[in-house]
Amino acid sequence: MNITTIDGTNATITVRGDVDFDSLPPLRATADALPAHVTGLLWDLNHTFFMDVAGLYLLFAPAPLGRPDRRITATGLRPQPLRLLRLAAETNPATFPLDRLLCDTPAACEGAERT
């Protein structure tokens, strides 16, 4: 079960469980269903102990049509998901910009540009 909270223009989706190709479609659907006025999305991954390449799609996929300004950030990364993200960033930093993703909150990333 995943929990979504909206506070003004920021939303938090708390993921409960692994992020893999089975969980990716409902997670993307949850993010895509957020109201248009939500410009900051924080993925709370405190309860996610495993993430495969689907996590890269979740966190770095282009914004949905009509929402190019939505900032995506993540918090609570456990060791294995963090290793995956670091490896991806080392391999291709332009595609996987960890400095933008790992802000504590969407508000903390106000100055970060979406690439």
Protein backbone atom coordinates (compact mmCIF):
# COMPACT_ATOMS: atom_id res chain seq x y z
CA MET A 1 0.00 0.00 0.00
CA ASN A 2 1.30 3.42 -0.95
CA ILE A 3 0.23 6.63 0.73
CA THR A 4 -0.16 9.98 -1.04
CA THR A 5 -0.38 13.30 0.76
CA ILE A 6 -0.79 16.70 -0.84
CA ASP A 7 0.16 19.94 0.88
CA GLY A 8 -0.42 22.94 -1.35
CA THR A 9 1.69 22.50 -4.48
CA ASN A 10 3.75 19.63 -3.02
CA ALA A 11 2.85 15.96 -2.87
CA THR A 12 4.53 13.06 -1.10
CA ILE A 13 4.09 9.47 -2.19
CA THR A 14 5.21 7.03 0.48
CA VAL A 15 6.16 3.75 -1.15
CA ARG A 16 5.67 0.59 0.90
CA GLY A 17 7.61 -2.25 -0.66
CA ASP A 18 10.03 -2.89 -3.49
CA VAL A 19 10.22 -0.83 -6.66
CA ASP A 20 10.37 -3.24 -9.58
CA PHE A 21 8.60 -3.75 -12.89
CA ASP A 22 5.52 -5.17 -11.11
CA SER A 23 5.14 -2.14 -8.85
CA LEU A 24 6.15 0.46 -11.45
CA PRO A 25 2.81 0.81 -13.31
CA PRO A 26 0.71 1.56 -10.19
CA LEU A 27 3.38 3.93 -8.85
CA ARG A 28 3.54 5.82 -12.17
CA ALA A 29 -0.26 5.91 -12.28
CA THR A 30 -0.34 7.40 -8.78
CA ALA A 31 2.13 10.11 -9.77
CA ASP A 32 0.38 10.78 -13.08
CA ALA A 33 -2.97 11.17 -11.28
CA LEU A 34 -1.73 14.01 -9.08
CA PRO A 35 -3.57 17.28 -9.67
CA ALA A 36 -2.02 19.67 -12.19
CA HIS A 37 -1.29 22.27 -9.51
CA VAL A 38 1.21 19.90 -7.83
CA THR A 39 4.65 21.10 -8.91
CA GLY A 40 6.77 19.19 -6.37
CA LEU A 41 6.72 15.43 -5.88
CA LEU A 42 8.67 13.79 -3.07
CA TRP A 43 9.06 10.02 -3.20
CA ASP A 44 9.42 8.77 0.38
CA LEU A 45 11.38 5.53 0.08
CA ASN A 46 11.96 4.79 3.77
CA HIS A 47 10.06 1.49 3.41
CA THR A 48 11.71 0.45 0.12
CA PHE A 49 14.57 -1.98 0.66
CA PHE A 50 14.98 -3.11 -2.97
CA MET A 51 14.84 -1.22 -6.25
CA ASP A 52 15.71 -2.54 -9.68
CA VAL A 53 16.10 -0.58 -12.91
CA ALA A 54 12.37 0.21 -12.72
CA GLY A 55 13.29 2.68 -9.98
CA LEU A 56 15.33 4.63 -12.50
CA TYR A 57 12.25 4.88 -14.72
CA LEU A 58 10.17 5.97 -11.75
CA LEU A 59 12.53 8.67 -10.52
CA PHE A 60 14.02 9.96 -13.78
CA ALA A 61 11.36 9.46 -16.45
CA PRO A 62 10.29 12.62 -18.28
CA ALA A 63 7.45 14.52 -16.65
CA PRO A 64 3.94 13.66 -17.85
CA LEU A 65 2.58 15.75 -20.70
CA GLY A 66 1.43 19.13 -19.46
CA ARG A 67 3.59 18.94 -16.30
CA PRO A 68 7.18 19.68 -17.40
CA ASP A 69 7.84 21.86 -14.35
CA ARG A 70 7.18 19.14 -11.75
CA ARG A 71 10.23 18.65 -9.52
CA ILE A 72 10.92 15.07 -8.51
CA THR A 73 12.86 14.42 -5.31
CA ALA A 74 13.43 11.39 -3.10
CA THR A 75 14.09 10.80 0.57
CA GLY A 76 14.74 7.82 2.81
CA LEU A 77 16.90 5.86 0.40
CA ARG A 78 18.05 2.55 1.85
CA PRO A 79 21.51 1.15 0.99
CA GLN A 80 20.58 -0.98 -2.04
CA PRO A 81 18.43 1.65 -3.84
CA LEU A 82 21.06 4.29 -3.10
CA ARG A 83 23.79 2.05 -4.59
CA LEU A 84 21.71 1.63 -7.74
CA LEU A 85 21.19 5.38 -8.08
CA ARG A 86 24.87 6.13 -7.46
CA LEU A 87 25.91 3.60 -10.10
CA ALA A 88 23.49 5.10 -12.60
CA ALA A 89 24.74 8.62 -11.81
CA GLU A 90 28.38 7.55 -12.19
CA THR A 91 27.58 5.92 -15.52
CA ASN A 92 25.56 8.83 -16.93
CA PRO A 93 25.35 11.91 -14.68
CA ALA A 94 23.42 13.97 -17.23
CA THR A 95 20.61 11.40 -17.36
CA PHE A 96 20.63 10.56 -13.64
CA PRO A 97 21.32 13.85 -11.76
CA LEU A 98 21.46 12.77 -8.12
CA ASP A 99 22.07 16.29 -6.86
CA ARG A 100 18.58 17.27 -8.08
CA LEU A 101 16.89 14.08 -6.90
CA LEU A 102 18.29 13.87 -3.38
CA CYS A 103 17.07 17.18 -1.97
CA ASP A 104 15.33 16.67 1.37
CA THR A 105 12.05 18.21 0.18
CA PRO A 106 10.71 19.67 -3.08
CA ALA A 107 10.87 23.13 -1.47
CA ALA A 108 14.60 22.64 -0.82
CA CYS A 109 15.08 22.08 -4.55
CA GLU A 110 13.47 25.36 -5.65
CA GLY A 111 16.66 26.47 -7.39
CA ALA A 112 17.49 23.10 -8.91
CA GLU A 113 16.84 22.90 -12.62
CA ARG A 114 15.12 19.91 -14.12
CA THR A 115 17.23 18.36 -16.83
